[in-house]
Amino acid sequence: MGQSYNIEICLGSSCFSRGNREVVQVLREYLRKNHLDDKVVLRGARCMDRCSEGPFIIINGKTFTSIGVQDIEKILEKELL
């Protein structure tokens, strides 16, 4: 399988209402489009108690804060490709 990646995304009510719902949709589409589905373990998590920094995701232990749909593709290209 080669290198694999772990992505954790906060789905707590604050992050979810501030845009992580849309980030999840863009993220799934990006993984599918770039044939990365089998290389990425995507996990949703309940509130991570970092609401003031959200919405955020964690990729292989590296945290990205205050992200939106306009940021996610650039982040994924840098971290996954």
C-alpha atoms as a PDB file:
ATOM      1  CA  MET A   1       0.000   0.000   0.000  1.00  0.00           C
ATOM      2  CA  GLY A   2       2.936   2.415   0.413  1.00  0.00           C
ATOM      3  CA  GLN A   3       2.790   5.354   2.753  1.00  0.00           C
ATOM      4  CA  SER A   4      -0.431   5.834   4.657  1.00  0.00           C
ATOM      5  CA  TYR A   5      -1.848   8.921   6.303  1.00  0.00           C
ATOM      6  CA  ASN A   6      -4.093   9.528   9.282  1.00  0.00           C
ATOM      7  CA  ILE A   7      -6.492  12.425   9.137  1.00  0.00           C
ATOM      8  CA  GLU A   8      -8.615  13.347  12.122  1.00  0.00           C
ATOM      9  CA  ILE A   9     -11.265  16.004  11.776  1.00  0.00           C
ATOM     10  CA  CYS A  10     -13.158  17.631  14.609  1.00  0.00           C
ATOM     11  CA  LEU A  11     -16.903  17.184  14.242  1.00  0.00           C
ATOM     12  CA  GLY A  12     -17.806  18.908  17.485  1.00  0.00           C
ATOM     13  CA  SER A  13     -20.755  21.270  17.182  1.00  0.00           C
ATOM     14  CA  SER A  14     -18.610  24.427  17.083  1.00  0.00           C
ATOM     15  CA  CYS A  15     -16.223  23.227  14.357  1.00  0.00           C
ATOM     16  CA  PHE A  16     -19.047  21.544  12.479  1.00  0.00           C
ATOM     17  CA  SER A  17     -21.170  24.685  12.405  1.00  0.00           C
ATOM     18  CA  ARG A  18     -18.147  26.825  11.492  1.00  0.00           C
ATOM     19  CA  GLY A  19     -17.388  24.870   8.354  1.00  0.00           C
ATOM     20  CA  ASN A  20     -16.025  21.398   8.993  1.00  0.00           C
ATOM     21  CA  ARG A  21     -19.139  19.881   7.397  1.00  0.00           C
ATOM     22  CA  GLU A  22     -18.073  21.392   4.079  1.00  0.00           C
ATOM     23  CA  VAL A  23     -14.395  20.597   4.719  1.00  0.00           C
ATOM     24  CA  VAL A  24     -15.314  16.906   5.113  1.00  0.00           C
ATOM     25  CA  GLN A  25     -17.129  16.948   1.766  1.00  0.00           C
ATOM     26  CA  VAL A  26     -14.200  18.600  -0.038  1.00  0.00           C
ATOM     27  CA  LEU A  27     -11.742  16.258   1.688  1.00  0.00           C
ATOM     28  CA  ARG A  28     -13.621  13.110   0.637  1.00  0.00           C
ATOM     29  CA  GLU A  29     -13.914  14.352  -2.938  1.00  0.00           C
ATOM     30  CA  TYR A  30     -10.196  15.202  -3.043  1.00  0.00           C
ATOM     31  CA  LEU A  31      -9.230  11.736  -1.783  1.00  0.00           C
ATOM     32  CA  ARG A  32     -11.495  10.049  -4.327  1.00  0.00           C
ATOM     33  CA  LYS A  33     -10.347  12.251  -7.222  1.00  0.00           C
ATOM     34  CA  ASN A  34      -6.664  11.644  -6.419  1.00  0.00           C
ATOM     35  CA  HIS A  35      -7.052   7.904  -5.759  1.00  0.00           C
ATOM     36  CA  LEU A  36      -5.926   8.267  -2.145  1.00  0.00           C
ATOM     37  CA  ASP A  37      -8.899   6.522  -0.496  1.00  0.00           C
ATOM     38  CA  ASP A  38      -6.837   3.418   0.290  1.00  0.00           C
ATOM     39  CA  LYS A  39      -3.900   5.443   1.657  1.00  0.00           C
ATOM     40  CA  VAL A  40      -5.808   7.612   4.124  1.00  0.00           C
ATOM     41  CA  VAL A  41      -7.510   6.691   7.361  1.00  0.00           C
ATOM     42  CA  LEU A  42     -10.101   9.408   7.906  1.00  0.00           C
ATOM     43  CA  ARG A  43     -11.590   9.713  11.374  1.00  0.00           C
ATOM     44  CA  GLY A  44     -14.163  12.094  12.703  1.00  0.00           C
ATOM     45  CA  ALA A  45     -13.881  13.035  16.348  1.00  0.00           C
ATOM     46  CA  ARG A  46     -16.211  14.628  18.807  1.00  0.00           C
ATOM     47  CA  CYS A  47     -15.225  17.921  20.334  1.00  0.00           C
ATOM     48  CA  MET A  48     -11.476  18.129  20.937  1.00  0.00           C
ATOM     49  CA  ASP A  49     -11.808  21.059  23.367  1.00  0.00           C
ATOM     50  CA  ARG A  50     -10.045  23.479  21.029  1.00  0.00           C
ATOM     51  CA  CYS A  51     -13.102  25.366  19.820  1.00  0.00           C
ATOM     52  CA  SER A  52     -11.370  28.735  19.576  1.00  0.00           C
ATOM     53  CA  GLU A  53      -8.919  27.256  17.034  1.00  0.00           C
ATOM     54  CA  GLY A  54     -11.491  25.537  14.850  1.00  0.00           C
ATOM     55  CA  PRO A  55     -12.414  24.377  12.497  1.00  0.00           C
ATOM     56  CA  PHE A  56      -9.351  22.188  12.418  1.00  0.00           C
ATOM     57  CA  ILE A  57      -7.945  18.894  11.200  1.00  0.00           C
ATOM     58  CA  ILE A  58      -4.937  16.817  12.189  1.00  0.00           C
ATOM     59  CA  ILE A  59      -2.869  15.061   9.498  1.00  0.00           C
ATOM     60  CA  ASN A  60      -0.332  12.561  10.867  1.00  0.00           C
ATOM     61  CA  GLY A  61      -0.139  14.501  14.126  1.00  0.00           C
ATOM     62  CA  LYS A  62       0.224  17.932  12.480  1.00  0.00           C
ATOM     63  CA  THR A  63      -2.612  20.313  13.388  1.00  0.00           C
ATOM     64  CA  PHE A  64      -4.113  22.804  10.952  1.00  0.00           C
ATOM     65  CA  THR A  65      -6.342  25.403  12.583  1.00  0.00           C
ATOM     66  CA  SER A  66      -8.963  27.860  11.386  1.00  0.00           C
ATOM     67  CA  ILE A  67      -9.286  26.088   8.055  1.00  0.00           C
ATOM     68  CA  GLY A  68     -12.037  26.382   5.511  1.00  0.00           C
ATOM     69  CA  VAL A  69     -12.902  24.843   2.183  1.00  0.00           C
ATOM     70  CA  GLN A  70     -10.611  27.362   0.491  1.00  0.00           C
ATOM     71  CA  ASP A  71      -7.633  25.959   2.473  1.00  0.00           C
ATOM     72  CA  ILE A  72      -8.137  22.210   2.437  1.00  0.00           C
ATOM     73  CA  GLU A  73      -6.916  21.373  -1.072  1.00  0.00           C
ATOM     74  CA  LYS A  74      -3.645  23.291  -0.596  1.00  0.00           C
ATOM     75  CA  ILE A  75      -3.081  21.562   2.736  1.00  0.00           C
ATOM     76  CA  LEU A  76      -3.797  18.116   1.267  1.00  0.00           C
ATOM     77  CA  GLU A  77      -1.526  18.709  -1.732  1.00  0.00           C
ATOM     78  CA  LYS A  78       1.320  19.678   0.559  1.00  0.00           C
ATOM     79  CA  GLU A  79       0.808  16.881   3.087  1.00  0.00           C
ATOM     80  CA  LEU A  80      -0.312  13.976   0.911  1.00  0.00           C
ATOM     81  CA  LEU A  81       1.238  14.350  -2.540  1.00  0.00           C
END
